[in-house]
PDB file of N, CA and C in Angstrom:
ATOM      1  N   MET A   1       0.826  -1.195   0.000  1.00  0.00           N
ATOM      2  CA  MET A   1       0.000   0.000   0.000  1.00  0.00           C
ATOM      3  C   MET A   1       0.873   1.262   0.000  1.00  0.00           C
ATOM      4  N   ILE A   2       1.891   1.301   0.843  1.00  0.00           N
ATOM      5  CA  ILE A   2       2.744   2.485   0.929  1.00  0.00           C
ATOM      6  C   ILE A   2       3.523   2.696  -0.366  1.00  0.00           C
ATOM      7  N   TYR A   3       3.966   1.590  -1.001  1.00  0.00           N
ATOM      8  CA  TYR A   3       4.720   1.718  -2.247  1.00  0.00           C
ATOM      9  C   TYR A   3       3.837   2.266  -3.371  1.00  0.00           C
ATOM     10  N   ARG A   4       2.598   1.835  -3.394  1.00  0.00           N
ATOM     11  CA  ARG A   4       1.676   2.340  -4.418  1.00  0.00           C
ATOM     12  C   ARG A   4       1.433   3.827  -4.208  1.00  0.00           C
ATOM     13  N   MET A   5       1.275   4.241  -2.966  1.00  0.00           N
ATOM     14  CA  MET A   5       1.074   5.662  -2.672  1.00  0.00           C
ATOM     15  C   MET A   5       2.312   6.473  -3.049  1.00  0.00           C
ATOM     16  N   LEU A   6       3.486   5.929  -2.759  1.00  0.00           N
ATOM     17  CA  LEU A   6       4.723   6.617  -3.130  1.00  0.00           C
ATOM     18  C   LEU A   6       4.863   6.723  -4.646  1.00  0.00           C
ATOM     19  N   ALA A   7       4.498   5.650  -5.355  1.00  0.00           N
ATOM     20  CA  ALA A   7       4.552   5.684  -6.821  1.00  0.00           C
ATOM     21  C   ALA A   7       3.598   6.745  -7.357  1.00  0.00           C
ATOM     22  N   ASP A   8       2.408   6.822  -6.789  1.00  0.00           N
ATOM     23  CA  ASP A   8       1.448   7.850  -7.202  1.00  0.00           C
ATOM     24  C   ASP A   8       1.970   9.247  -6.891  1.00  0.00           C
ATOM     25  N   LEU A   9       2.639   9.395  -5.769  1.00  0.00           N
ATOM     26  CA  LEU A   9       3.240  10.677  -5.418  1.00  0.00           C
ATOM     27  C   LEU A   9       4.313  11.069  -6.431  1.00  0.00           C
ATOM     28  N   VAL A  10       5.122  10.101  -6.854  1.00  0.00           N
ATOM     29  CA  VAL A  10       6.141  10.367  -7.874  1.00  0.00           C
ATOM     30  C   VAL A  10       5.474  10.839  -9.171  1.00  0.00           C
ATOM     31  N   VAL A  11       4.368  10.208  -9.546  1.00  0.00           N
ATOM     32  CA  VAL A  11       3.642  10.622 -10.756  1.00  0.00           C
ATOM     33  C   VAL A  11       3.148  12.058 -10.619  1.00  0.00           C
ATOM     34  N   ILE A  12       2.586  12.388  -9.478  1.00  0.00           N
ATOM     35  CA  ILE A  12       2.093  13.750  -9.254  1.00  0.00           C
ATOM     36  C   ILE A  12       3.244  14.753  -9.314  1.00  0.00           C
ATOM     37  N   LEU A  13       4.346  14.439  -8.641  1.00  0.00           N
ATOM     38  CA  LEU A  13       5.519  15.324  -8.678  1.00  0.00           C
ATOM     39  C   LEU A  13       6.069  15.460 -10.090  1.00  0.00           C
ATOM     40  N   HIS A  14       6.056  14.366 -10.831  1.00  0.00           N
ATOM     41  CA  HIS A  14       6.540  14.380 -12.205  1.00  0.00           C
ATOM     42  C   HIS A  14       5.679  15.310 -13.062  1.00  0.00           C
ATOM     43  N   HIS A  15       4.367  15.192 -12.928  1.00  0.00           N
ATOM     44  CA  HIS A  15       3.459  16.081 -13.656  1.00  0.00           C
ATOM     45  C   HIS A  15       3.698  17.541 -13.274  1.00  0.00           C
ATOM     46  N   LEU A  16       3.819  17.806 -11.981  1.00  0.00           N
ATOM     47  CA  LEU A  16       4.048  19.175 -11.527  1.00  0.00           C
ATOM     48  C   LEU A  16       5.367  19.732 -12.056  1.00  0.00           C
ATOM     49  N   PHE A  17       6.389  18.882 -12.099  1.00  0.00           N
ATOM     50  CA  PHE A  17       7.676  19.328 -12.624  1.00  0.00           C
ATOM     51  C   PHE A  17       7.562  19.695 -14.099  1.00  0.00           C
ATOM     52  N   ILE A  18       6.848  18.878 -14.864  1.00  0.00           N
ATOM     53  CA  ILE A  18       6.682  19.169 -16.293  1.00  0.00           C
ATOM     54  C   ILE A  18       5.911  20.474 -16.477  1.00  0.00           C
ATOM     55  N   ILE A  19       4.855  20.664 -15.704  1.00  0.00           N
ATOM     56  CA  ILE A  19       4.084  21.907 -15.787  1.00  0.00           C
ATOM     57  C   ILE A  19       4.967  23.092 -15.418  1.00  0.00           C
ATOM     58  N   PHE A  20       5.744  22.944 -14.354  1.00  0.00           N
ATOM     59  CA  PHE A  20       6.660  24.015 -13.939  1.00  0.00           C
ATOM     60  C   PHE A  20       7.676  24.303 -15.036  1.00  0.00           C
ATOM     61  N   ALA A  21       8.229  23.259 -15.653  1.00  0.00           N
ATOM     62  CA  ALA A  21       9.233  23.457 -16.704  1.00  0.00           C
ATOM     63  C   ALA A  21       8.628  24.154 -17.918  1.00  0.00           C
ATOM     64  N   LEU A  22       7.357  23.898 -18.184  1.00  0.00           N
ATOM     65  CA  LEU A  22       6.717  24.511 -19.343  1.00  0.00           C
ATOM     66  C   LEU A  22       6.303  25.955 -19.101  1.00  0.00           C
ATOM     67  N   ILE A  23       5.706  26.233 -17.964  1.00  0.00           N
ATOM     68  CA  ILE A  23       5.147  27.581 -17.761  1.00  0.00           C
ATOM     69  C   ILE A  23       5.637  28.263 -16.487  1.00  0.00           C
ATOM     70  N   GLY A  24       6.623  27.686 -15.840  1.00  0.00           N
ATOM     71  CA  GLY A  24       7.129  28.262 -14.597  1.00  0.00           C
ATOM     72  C   GLY A  24       7.795  29.606 -14.765  1.00  0.00           C
ATOM     73  N   GLY A  25       8.098  29.956 -16.000  1.00  0.00           N
ATOM     74  CA  GLY A  25       8.710  31.254 -16.253  1.00  0.00           C
ATOM     75  C   GLY A  25       7.834  32.410 -15.815  1.00  0.00           C
ATOM     76  N   VAL A  26       6.531  32.200 -15.770  1.00  0.00           N
ATOM     77  CA  VAL A  26       5.639  33.287 -15.318  1.00  0.00           C
ATOM     78  C   VAL A  26       5.891  33.617 -13.852  1.00  0.00           C
ATOM     79  N   LEU A  27       6.423  32.665 -13.096  1.00  0.00           N
ATOM     80  CA  LEU A  27       6.723  32.917 -11.684  1.00  0.00           C
ATOM     81  C   LEU A  27       7.891  33.879 -11.505  1.00  0.00           C
ATOM     82  N   VAL A  28       8.699  34.040 -12.549  1.00  0.00           N
ATOM     83  CA  VAL A  28       9.826  34.973 -12.484  1.00  0.00           C
ATOM     84  C   VAL A  28       9.307  36.393 -12.306  1.00  0.00           C
ATOM     85  N   ARG A  29       8.177  36.669 -12.878  1.00  0.00           N
ATOM     86  CA  ARG A  29       7.572  37.998 -12.722  1.00  0.00           C
ATOM     87  C   ARG A  29       7.198  38.258 -11.267  1.00  0.00           C
ATOM     88  N   TRP A  30       6.823  37.201 -10.574  1.00  0.00           N
ATOM     89  CA  TRP A  30       6.414  37.296  -9.179  1.00  0.00           C
ATOM     90  C   TRP A  30       7.631  37.320  -8.256  1.00  0.00           C
ATOM     91  N   ARG A  31       8.556  36.395  -8.473  1.00  0.00           N
ATOM     92  CA  ARG A  31       9.780  36.297  -7.670  1.00  0.00           C
ATOM     93  C   ARG A  31      10.955  36.086  -8.613  1.00  0.00           C
ATOM     94  N   SER A  32      11.839  37.057  -8.673  1.00  0.00           N
ATOM     95  CA  SER A  32      12.926  36.989  -9.650  1.00  0.00           C
ATOM     96  C   SER A  32      13.877  35.810  -9.424  1.00  0.00           C
ATOM     97  N   TYR A  33      14.009  35.331  -8.192  1.00  0.00           N
ATOM     98  CA  TYR A  33      14.905  34.203  -7.937  1.00  0.00           C
ATOM     99  C   TYR A  33      14.415  32.914  -8.599  1.00  0.00           C
ATOM    100  N   MET A  34      13.132  32.878  -8.995  1.00  0.00           N
ATOM    101  CA  MET A  34      12.604  31.699  -9.678  1.00  0.00           C
ATOM    102  C   MET A  34      13.320  31.449 -11.004  1.00  0.00           C
ATOM    103  N   LEU A  35      13.934  32.483 -11.548  1.00  0.00           N
ATOM    104  CA  LEU A  35      14.712  32.339 -12.777  1.00  0.00           C
ATOM    105  C   LEU A  35      15.782  31.267 -12.604  1.00  0.00           C
ATOM    106  N   PHE A  36      16.434  31.253 -11.452  1.00  0.00           N
ATOM    107  CA  PHE A  36      17.526  30.317 -11.199  1.00  0.00           C
ATOM    108  C   PHE A  36      17.038  28.893 -10.918  1.00  0.00           C
ATOM    109  N   ILE A  37      15.764  28.748 -10.672  1.00  0.00           N
ATOM    110  CA  ILE A  37      15.164  27.427 -10.486  1.00  0.00           C
ATOM    111  C   ILE A  37      14.525  26.955 -11.790  1.00  0.00           C
ATOM    112  N   HIS A  38      13.859  27.890 -12.466  1.00  0.00           N
ATOM    113  CA  HIS A  38      13.113  27.504 -13.656  1.00  0.00           C
ATOM    114  C   HIS A  38      14.005  27.207 -14.866  1.00  0.00           C
ATOM    115  N   ILE A  39      15.004  28.028 -15.116  1.00  0.00           N
ATOM    116  CA  ILE A  39      15.852  27.830 -16.308  1.00  0.00           C
ATOM    117  C   ILE A  39      16.454  26.423 -16.326  1.00  0.00           C
ATOM    118  N   PRO A  40      17.064  25.930 -15.228  1.00  0.00           N
ATOM    119  CA  PRO A  40      17.579  24.548 -15.274  1.00  0.00           C
ATOM    120  C   PRO A  40      16.481  23.510 -15.511  1.00  0.00           C
ATOM    121  N   ALA A  41      15.302  23.728 -14.933  1.00  0.00           N
ATOM    122  CA  ALA A  41      14.198  22.780 -15.143  1.00  0.00           C
ATOM    123  C   ALA A  41      13.765  22.771 -16.603  1.00  0.00           C
ATOM    124  N   ALA A  42      13.629  23.942 -17.190  1.00  0.00           N
ATOM    125  CA  ALA A  42      13.227  24.034 -18.593  1.00  0.00           C
ATOM    126  C   ALA A  42      14.299  23.423 -19.508  1.00  0.00           C
ATOM    127  N   LEU A  43      15.557  23.669 -19.204  1.00  0.00           N
ATOM    128  CA  LEU A  43      16.636  23.077 -19.998  1.00  0.00           C
ATOM    129  C   LEU A  43      16.647  21.560 -19.862  1.00  0.00           C
ATOM    130  N   TRP A  44      16.418  21.066 -18.645  1.00  0.00           N
ATOM    131  CA  TRP A  44      16.385  19.617 -18.415  1.00  0.00           C
ATOM    132  C   TRP A  44      15.296  18.962 -19.265  1.00  0.00           C
ATOM    133  N   VAL A  45      14.093  19.521 -19.251  1.00  0.00           N
ATOM    134  CA  VAL A  45      12.992  18.961 -20.022  1.00  0.00           C
ATOM    135  C   VAL A  45      13.308  19.004 -21.518  1.00  0.00           C
ATOM    136  N   THR A  46      13.911  20.090 -21.964  1.00  0.00           N
ATOM    137  CA  THR A  46      14.256  20.222 -23.376  1.00  0.00           C
ATOM    138  C   THR A  46      15.314  19.194 -23.783  1.00  0.00           C
ATOM    139  N   VAL A  47      16.359  19.058 -22.980  1.00  0.00           N
ATOM    140  CA  VAL A  47      17.422  18.091 -23.294  1.00  0.00           C
ATOM    141  C   VAL A  47      16.883  16.667 -23.268  1.00  0.00           C
ATOM    142  N   ILE A  48      16.073  16.340 -22.272  1.00  0.00           N
ATOM    143  CA  ILE A  48      15.463  15.004 -22.186  1.00  0.00           C
ATOM    144  C   ILE A  48      14.691  14.712 -23.478  1.00  0.00           C
ATOM    145  N   SER A  49      13.940  15.693 -23.949  1.00  0.00           N
ATOM    146  CA  SER A  49      13.140  15.507 -25.162  1.00  0.00           C
ATOM    147  C   SER A  49      14.018  15.377 -26.399  1.00  0.00           C
ATOM    148  N   PHE A  50      15.008  16.257 -26.524  1.00  0.00           N
ATOM    149  CA  PHE A  50      15.861  16.226 -27.716  1.00  0.00           C
ATOM    150  C   PHE A  50      16.704  14.961 -27.794  1.00  0.00           C
ATOM    151  N   LYS A  51      17.162  14.491 -26.658  1.00  0.00           N
ATOM    152  CA  LYS A  51      18.035  13.310 -26.636  1.00  0.00           C
ATOM    153  C   LYS A  51      17.255  11.997 -26.614  1.00  0.00           C
ATOM    154  N   GLY A  52      15.964  12.061 -26.302  1.00  0.00           N
ATOM    155  CA  GLY A  52      15.170  10.846 -26.209  1.00  0.00           C
ATOM    156  C   GLY A  52      15.454  10.054 -24.942  1.00  0.00           C
ATOM    157  N   TRP A  53      15.970  10.733 -23.925  1.00  0.00           N
ATOM    158  CA  TRP A  53      16.291  10.080 -22.653  1.00  0.00           C
ATOM    159  C   TRP A  53      15.019   9.819 -21.853  1.00  0.00           C
ATOM    160  N   ILE A  54      15.149   8.963 -20.861  1.00  0.00           N
ATOM    161  CA  ILE A  54      14.070   8.721 -19.917  1.00  0.00           C
ATOM    162  C   ILE A  54      14.431   9.431 -18.616  1.00  0.00           C
ATOM    163  N   CYS A  55      13.496  10.181 -18.089  1.00  0.00           N
ATOM    164  CA  CYS A  55      13.714  10.908 -16.841  1.00  0.00           C
ATOM    165  C   CYS A  55      13.971   9.921 -15.697  1.00  0.00           C
ATOM    166  N   PRO A  56      14.876  10.243 -14.794  1.00  0.00           N
ATOM    167  CA  PRO A  56      15.159   9.346 -13.662  1.00  0.00           C
ATOM    168  C   PRO A  56      13.960   9.076 -12.755  1.00  0.00           C
ATOM    169  N   LEU A  57      12.939   9.911 -12.805  1.00  0.00           N
ATOM    170  CA  LEU A  57      11.761   9.649 -11.988  1.00  0.00           C
ATOM    171  C   LEU A  57      10.964   8.444 -12.502  1.00  0.00           C
ATOM    172  N   THR A  58      11.078   8.147 -13.789  1.00  0.00           N
ATOM    173  CA  THR A  58      10.335   7.022 -14.359  1.00  0.00           C
ATOM    174  C   THR A  58      10.788   5.688 -13.780  1.00  0.00           C
ATOM    175  N   PRO A  59      12.105   5.374 -13.772  1.00  0.00           N
ATOM    176  CA  PRO A  59      12.525   4.121 -13.139  1.00  0.00           C
ATOM    177  C   PRO A  59      12.167   4.063 -11.650  1.00  0.00           C
ATOM    178  N   LEU A  60      12.221   5.208 -10.968  1.00  0.00           N
ATOM    179  CA  LEU A  60      11.840   5.244  -9.550  1.00  0.00           C
ATOM    180  C   LEU A  60      10.373   4.855  -9.393  1.00  0.00           C
ATOM    181  N   GLU A  61       9.521   5.430 -10.220  1.00  0.00           N
ATOM    182  CA  GLU A  61       8.104   5.076 -10.148  1.00  0.00           C
ATOM    183  C   GLU A  61       7.903   3.590 -10.432  1.00  0.00           C
ATOM    184  N   ASN A  62       8.575   3.082 -11.464  1.00  0.00           N
ATOM    185  CA  ASN A  62       8.437   1.662 -11.808  1.00  0.00           C
ATOM    186  C   ASN A  62       8.910   0.759 -10.666  1.00  0.00           C
ATOM    187  N   GLN A  63      10.011   1.115 -10.013  1.00  0.00           N
ATOM    188  CA  GLN A  63      10.500   0.326  -8.872  1.00  0.00           C
ATOM    189  C   GLN A  63       9.481   0.322  -7.741  1.00  0.00           C
ATOM    190  N   LEU A  64       8.887   1.476  -7.472  1.00  0.00           N
ATOM    191  CA  LEU A  64       7.878   1.556  -6.417  1.00  0.00           C
ATOM    192  C   LEU A  64       6.637   0.740  -6.780  1.00  0.00           C
ATOM    193  N   ARG A  65       6.247   0.789  -8.037  1.00  0.00           N
ATOM    194  CA  ARG A  65       5.084  -0.005  -8.473  1.00  0.00           C
ATOM    195  C   ARG A  65       5.377  -1.501  -8.344  1.00  0.00           C
ATOM    196  N   GLN A  66       6.577  -1.910  -8.720  1.00  0.00           N
ATOM    197  CA  GLN A  66       6.945  -3.317  -8.603  1.00  0.00           C
ATOM    198  C   GLN A  66       7.003  -3.735  -7.141  1.00  0.00           C
ATOM    199  N   ALA A  67       7.500  -2.854  -6.271  1.00  0.00           N
ATOM    200  CA  ALA A  67       7.541  -3.159  -4.835  1.00  0.00           C
ATOM    201  C   ALA A  67       6.125  -3.286  -4.269  1.00  0.00           C
ATOM    202  N   ALA A  68       5.173  -2.608  -4.899  1.00  0.00           N
ATOM    203  CA  ALA A  68       3.777  -2.693  -4.462  1.00  0.00           C
ATOM    204  C   ALA A  68       3.073  -3.908  -5.050  1.00  0.00           C
ATOM    205  N   GLY A  69       3.780  -4.654  -5.898  1.00  0.00           N
ATOM    206  CA  GLY A  69       3.179  -5.831  -6.516  1.00  0.00           C
ATOM    207  C   GLY A  69       2.528  -5.534  -7.850  1.00  0.00           C
ATOM    208  N   ASP A  70       2.656  -4.315  -8.333  1.00  0.00           N
ATOM    209  CA  ASP A  70       2.127  -3.945  -9.648  1.00  0.00           C
ATOM    210  C   ASP A  70       3.219  -4.129 -10.692  1.00  0.00           C
ATOM    211  N   GLU A  71       2.825  -4.000 -11.935  1.00  0.00           N
ATOM    212  CA  GLU A  71       3.812  -4.035 -13.005  1.00  0.00           C
ATOM    213  C   GLU A  71       4.246  -2.619 -13.313  1.00  0.00           C
ATOM    214  N   GLY A  72       5.497  -2.487 -13.682  1.00  0.00           N
ATOM    215  CA  GLY A  72       5.970  -1.206 -14.184  1.00  0.00           C
ATOM    216  C   GLY A  72       5.510  -1.070 -15.622  1.00  0.00           C
ATOM    217  N   TYR A  73       6.022  -0.099 -16.317  1.00  0.00           N
ATOM    218  CA  TYR A  73       5.661   0.060 -17.724  1.00  0.00           C
ATOM    219  C   TYR A  73       6.925   0.332 -18.524  1.00  0.00           C
ATOM    220  N   PRO A  74       6.914  -0.087 -19.789  1.00  0.00           N
ATOM    221  CA  PRO A  74       8.077   0.174 -20.637  1.00  0.00           C
ATOM    222  C   PRO A  74       8.076   1.625 -21.097  1.00  0.00           C
ATOM    223  N   GLY A  75       9.224   2.101 -21.522  1.00  0.00           N
ATOM    224  CA  GLY A  75       9.315   3.461 -22.031  1.00  0.00           C
ATOM    225  C   GLY A  75       9.381   4.479 -20.910  1.00  0.00           C
ATOM    226  N   GLY A  76       9.119   5.700 -21.267  1.00  0.00           N
ATOM    227  CA  GLY A  76       9.242   6.786 -20.305  1.00  0.00           C
ATOM    228  C   GLY A  76       7.915   7.342 -19.848  1.00  0.00           C
ATOM    229  N   PHE A  77       8.008   8.275 -18.944  1.00  0.00           N
ATOM    230  CA  PHE A  77       6.854   8.929 -18.340  1.00  0.00           C
ATOM    231  C   PHE A  77       5.982   9.599 -19.399  1.00  0.00           C
ATOM    232  N   VAL A  78       6.635  10.315 -20.305  1.00  0.00           N
ATOM    233  CA  VAL A  78       5.898  11.043 -21.332  1.00  0.00           C
ATOM    234  C   VAL A  78       5.102  10.072 -22.200  1.00  0.00           C
ATOM    235  N   GLU A  79       5.751   8.972 -22.595  1.00  0.00           N
ATOM    236  CA  GLU A  79       5.051   7.982 -23.423  1.00  0.00           C
ATOM    237  C   GLU A  79       3.862   7.375 -22.689  1.00  0.00           C
ATOM    238  N   HIS A  80       4.029   7.141 -21.405  1.00  0.00           N
ATOM    239  CA  HIS A  80       3.003   6.434 -20.639  1.00  0.00           C
ATOM    240  C   HIS A  80       1.839   7.338 -20.208  1.00  0.00           C
ATOM    241  N   TYR A  81       2.139   8.558 -19.786  1.00  0.00           N
ATOM    242  CA  TYR A  81       1.096   9.421 -19.218  1.00  0.00           C
ATOM    243  C   TYR A  81       0.681  10.582 -20.118  1.00  0.00           C
ATOM    244  N   ILE A  82       1.644  11.239 -20.731  1.00  0.00           N
ATOM    245  CA  ILE A  82       1.345  12.477 -21.448  1.00  0.00           C
ATOM    246  C   ILE A  82       0.900  12.215 -22.891  1.00  0.00           C
ATOM    247  N   ILE A  83       1.660  11.414 -23.614  1.00  0.00           N
ATOM    248  CA  ILE A  83       1.358  11.179 -25.025  1.00  0.00           C
ATOM    249  C   ILE A  83      -0.040  10.603 -25.232  1.00  0.00           C
ATOM    250  N   PRO A  84      -0.499   9.636 -24.415  1.00  0.00           N
ATOM    251  CA  PRO A  84      -1.862   9.142 -24.647  1.00  0.00           C
ATOM    252  C   PRO A  84      -2.927  10.230 -24.528  1.00  0.00           C
ATOM    253  N   ILE A  85      -2.635  11.273 -23.785  1.00  0.00           N
ATOM    254  CA  ILE A  85      -3.574  12.380 -23.665  1.00  0.00           C
ATOM    255  C   ILE A  85      -3.544  13.233 -24.939  1.00  0.00           C
ATOM    256  N   ILE A  86      -2.340  13.466 -25.455  1.00  0.00           N
ATOM    257  CA  ILE A  86      -2.169  14.363 -26.591  1.00  0.00           C
ATOM    258  C   ILE A  86      -2.289  13.627 -27.932  1.00  0.00           C
ATOM    259  N   TYR A  87      -1.626  12.498 -28.038  1.00  0.00           N
ATOM    260  CA  TYR A  87      -1.578  11.757 -29.296  1.00  0.00           C
ATOM    261  C   TYR A  87      -2.049  10.315 -29.077  1.00  0.00           C
ATOM    262  N   PRO A  88      -2.864   9.793 -29.964  1.00  0.00           N
ATOM    263  CA  PRO A  88      -3.327   8.414 -29.798  1.00  0.00           C
ATOM    264  C   PRO A  88      -2.298   7.370 -30.237  1.00  0.00           C
ATOM    265  N   VAL A  89      -1.238   7.771 -30.926  1.00  0.00           N
ATOM    266  CA  VAL A  89      -0.238   6.814 -31.404  1.00  0.00           C
ATOM    267  C   VAL A  89       0.935   6.751 -30.435  1.00  0.00           C
ATOM    268  N   GLU A  90       1.774   5.741 -30.607  1.00  0.00           N
ATOM    269  CA  GLU A  90       2.960   5.623 -29.748  1.00  0.00           C
ATOM    270  C   GLU A  90       3.915   6.780 -30.004  1.00  0.00           C
ATOM    271  N   LEU A  91       4.670   7.114 -29.002  1.00  0.00           N
ATOM    272  CA  LEU A  91       5.631   8.197 -29.123  1.00  0.00           C
ATOM    273  C   LEU A  91       6.780   7.766 -30.023  1.00  0.00           C
ATOM    274  N   ARG A  92       7.063   8.600 -30.976  1.00  0.00           N
ATOM    275  CA  ARG A  92       8.231   8.391 -31.827  1.00  0.00           C
ATOM    276  C   ARG A  92       9.227   9.498 -31.487  1.00  0.00           C
ATOM    277  N   PHE A  93      10.479   9.275 -31.850  1.00  0.00           N
ATOM    278  CA  PHE A  93      11.518  10.245 -31.516  1.00  0.00           C
ATOM    279  C   PHE A  93      11.222  11.606 -32.131  1.00  0.00           C
ATOM    280  N   ASP A  94      10.733  11.638 -33.371  1.00  0.00           N
ATOM    281  CA  ASP A  94      10.450  12.924 -34.007  1.00  0.00           C
ATOM    282  C   ASP A  94       9.343  13.683 -33.269  1.00  0.00           C
ATOM    283  N   VAL A  95       8.366  12.959 -32.737  1.00  0.00           N
ATOM    284  CA  VAL A  95       7.310  13.599 -31.948  1.00  0.00           C
ATOM    285  C   VAL A  95       7.890  14.119 -30.641  1.00  0.00           C
ATOM    286  N   GLN A  96       8.792  13.353 -30.047  1.00  0.00           N
ATOM    287  CA  GLN A  96       9.412  13.771 -28.799  1.00  0.00           C
ATOM    288  C   GLN A  96      10.226  15.042 -29.010  1.00  0.00           C
ATOM    289  N   VAL A  97      10.926  15.139 -30.143  1.00  0.00           N
ATOM    290  CA  VAL A  97      11.678  16.354 -30.453  1.00  0.00           C
ATOM    291  C   VAL A  97      10.724  17.530 -30.632  1.00  0.00           C
ATOM    292  N   LEU A  98       9.595  17.300 -31.282  1.00  0.00           N
ATOM    293  CA  LEU A  98       8.603  18.369 -31.436  1.00  0.00           C
ATOM    294  C   LEU A  98       8.082  18.846 -30.087  1.00  0.00           C
ATOM    295  N   LEU A  99       7.883  17.915 -29.156  1.00  0.00           N
ATOM    296  CA  LEU A  99       7.459  18.305 -27.808  1.00  0.00           C
ATOM    297  C   LEU A  99       8.541  19.138 -27.128  1.00  0.00           C
ATOM    298  N   GLY A 100       9.795  18.766 -27.329  1.00  0.00           N
ATOM    299  CA  GLY A 100      10.893  19.553 -26.782  1.00  0.00           C
ATOM    300  C   GLY A 100      10.931  20.954 -27.378  1.00  0.00           C
ATOM    301  N   LEU A 101      10.706  21.048 -28.680  1.00  0.00           N
ATOM    302  CA  LEU A 101      10.656  22.360 -29.325  1.00  0.00           C
ATOM    303  C   LEU A 101       9.478  23.179 -28.810  1.00  0.00           C
ATOM    304  N   ALA A 102       8.353  22.517 -28.582  1.00  0.00           N
ATOM    305  CA  ALA A 102       7.189  23.218 -28.024  1.00  0.00           C
ATOM    306  C   ALA A 102       7.511  23.761 -26.634  1.00  0.00           C
ATOM    307  N   ALA A 103       8.158  22.946 -25.805  1.00  0.00           N
ATOM    308  CA  ALA A 103       8.547  23.401 -24.460  1.00  0.00           C
ATOM    309  C   ALA A 103       9.489  24.589 -24.553  1.00  0.00           C
ATOM    310  N   LEU A 104      10.454  24.509 -25.454  1.00  0.00           N
ATOM    311  CA  LEU A 104      11.402  25.606 -25.635  1.00  0.00           C
ATOM    312  C   LEU A 104      10.676  26.857 -26.124  1.00  0.00           C
ATOM    313  N   GLY A 105       9.782  26.693 -27.097  1.00  0.00           N
ATOM    314  CA  GLY A 105       9.042  27.831 -27.635  1.00  0.00           C
ATOM    315  C   GLY A 105       8.156  28.497 -26.595  1.00  0.00           C
ATOM    316  N   ILE A 106       7.463  27.692 -25.810  1.00  0.00           N
ATOM    317  CA  ILE A 106       6.612  28.235 -24.749  1.00  0.00           C
ATOM    318  C   ILE A 106       7.447  29.077 -23.793  1.00  0.00           C
ATOM    319  N   ASN A 107       8.611  28.566 -23.410  1.00  0.00           N
ATOM    320  CA  ASN A 107       9.457  29.299 -22.466  1.00  0.00           C
ATOM    321  C   ASN A 107      10.060  30.549 -23.085  1.00  0.00           C
ATOM    322  N   ILE A 108      10.396  30.510 -24.347  1.00  0.00           N
ATOM    323  CA  ILE A 108      10.913  31.719 -25.011  1.00  0.00           C
ATOM    324  C   ILE A 108       9.848  32.807 -25.006  1.00  0.00           C
ATOM    325  N   VAL A 109       8.616  32.444 -25.321  1.00  0.00           N
ATOM    326  CA  VAL A 109       7.518  33.417 -25.322  1.00  0.00           C
ATOM    327  C   VAL A 109       7.294  33.968 -23.912  1.00  0.00           C
ATOM    328  N   ILE A 110       7.276  33.090 -22.914  1.00  0.00           N
ATOM    329  CA  ILE A 110       7.053  33.536 -21.539  1.00  0.00           C
ATOM    330  C   ILE A 110       8.154  34.494 -21.097  1.00  0.00           C
ATOM    331  N   TYR A 111       9.412  34.135 -21.363  1.00  0.00           N
ATOM    332  CA  TYR A 111      10.507  35.007 -20.942  1.00  0.00           C
ATOM    333  C   TYR A 111      10.536  36.304 -21.740  1.00  0.00           C
ATOM    334  N   ALA A 112      10.130  36.278 -22.984  1.00  0.00           N
ATOM    335  CA  ALA A 112      10.033  37.521 -23.754  1.00  0.00           C
ATOM    336  C   ALA A 112       8.991  38.442 -23.129  1.00  0.00           C
ATOM    337  N   LEU A 113       7.858  37.869 -22.729  1.00  0.00           N
ATOM    338  CA  LEU A 113       6.813  38.670 -22.079  1.00  0.00           C
ATOM    339  C   LEU A 113       7.276  39.206 -20.723  1.00  0.00           C
ATOM    340  N   VAL A 114       7.954  38.367 -19.950  1.00  0.00           N
ATOM    341  CA  VAL A 114       8.472  38.805 -18.651  1.00  0.00           C
ATOM    342  C   VAL A 114       9.472  39.928 -18.842  1.00  0.00           C
ATOM    343  N   TYR A 115      10.362  39.778 -19.816  1.00  0.00           N
ATOM    344  CA  TYR A 115      11.371  40.801 -20.091  1.00  0.00           C
ATOM    345  C   TYR A 115      10.701  42.100 -20.552  1.00  0.00           C
ATOM    346  N   TYR A 116       9.726  41.980 -21.427  1.00  0.00           N
ATOM    347  CA  TYR A 116       9.006  43.154 -21.912  1.00  0.00           C
ATOM    348  C   TYR A 116       8.325  43.895 -20.756  1.00  0.00           C
ATOM    349  N   ARG A 117       7.651  43.148 -19.889  1.00  0.00           N
ATOM    350  CA  ARG A 117       6.981  43.765 -18.735  1.00  0.00           C
ATOM    351  C   ARG A 117       8.000  44.424 -17.798  1.00  0.00           C
ATOM    352  N   TYR A 118       9.145  43.780 -17.625  1.00  0.00           N
ATOM    353  CA  TYR A 118      10.197  44.332 -16.777  1.00  0.00           C
ATOM    354  C   TYR A 118      10.695  45.656 -17.353  1.00  0.00           C
ATOM    355  N   LYS A 119      10.959  45.681 -18.636  1.00  0.00           N
ATOM    356  CA  LYS A 119      11.451  46.900 -19.290  1.00  0.00           C
ATOM    357  C   LYS A 119      10.387  47.990 -19.255  1.00  0.00           C
ATOM    358  N   LEU A 120       9.132  47.597 -19.429  1.00  0.00           N
ATOM    359  CA  LEU A 120       8.027  48.534 -19.390  1.00  0.00           C
ATOM    360  C   LEU A 120       7.922  49.191 -18.005  1.00  0.00           C
ATOM    361  N   ASN A 121       8.028  48.396 -16.960  1.00  0.00           N
ATOM    362  CA  ASN A 121       7.945  48.923 -15.590  1.00  0.00           C
ATOM    363  C   ASN A 121       9.185  49.723 -15.215  1.00  0.00           C
ATOM    364  N   GLN A 122      10.314  49.375 -15.786  1.00  0.00           N
ATOM    365  CA  GLN A 122      11.554  50.080 -15.478  1.00  0.00           C
ATOM    366  C   GLN A 122      11.525  51.499 -16.064  1.00  0.00           C
ATOM    367  N   GLY A 123      10.803  51.677 -17.160  1.00  0.00           N
ATOM    368  CA  GLY A 123      10.719  52.980 -17.807  1.00  0.00           C
ATOM    369  C   GLY A 123       9.809  53.965 -17.111  1.00  0.00           C
ATOM    370  N   ARG A 124       9.067  53.505 -16.126  1.00  0.00           N
ATOM    371  CA  ARG A 124       8.124  54.396 -15.415  1.00  0.00           C
ATOM    372  C   ARG A 124       8.789  55.197 -14.361  1.00  0.00           C
TER     373      ARG A 124
END
């Protein structure tokens, strides 16, 4: 029971990390130190996508599921949880690269807006 709960907690944390990596740049407007937390997270997600790597949280979740008597799953977190929501087909490397580009693009837009707002407020 505890292992299943821990595995579910890892899934929740994994989802939150991905959301933070995608749109956490908006928090920089609120607290500037978030820049030093968000940039590495966004880069990590981008590199994972471009290289086709599996995030270290995925094997941890699978180990916890196996310890709970469940089966783990092949592939990575994105293939197992995110892609079925977005795409009905299996994840291919080219799709994974596109997701990485989307993450990078989202963050570029967010940081451009944050920078623009900063410059706008600085001129007052």
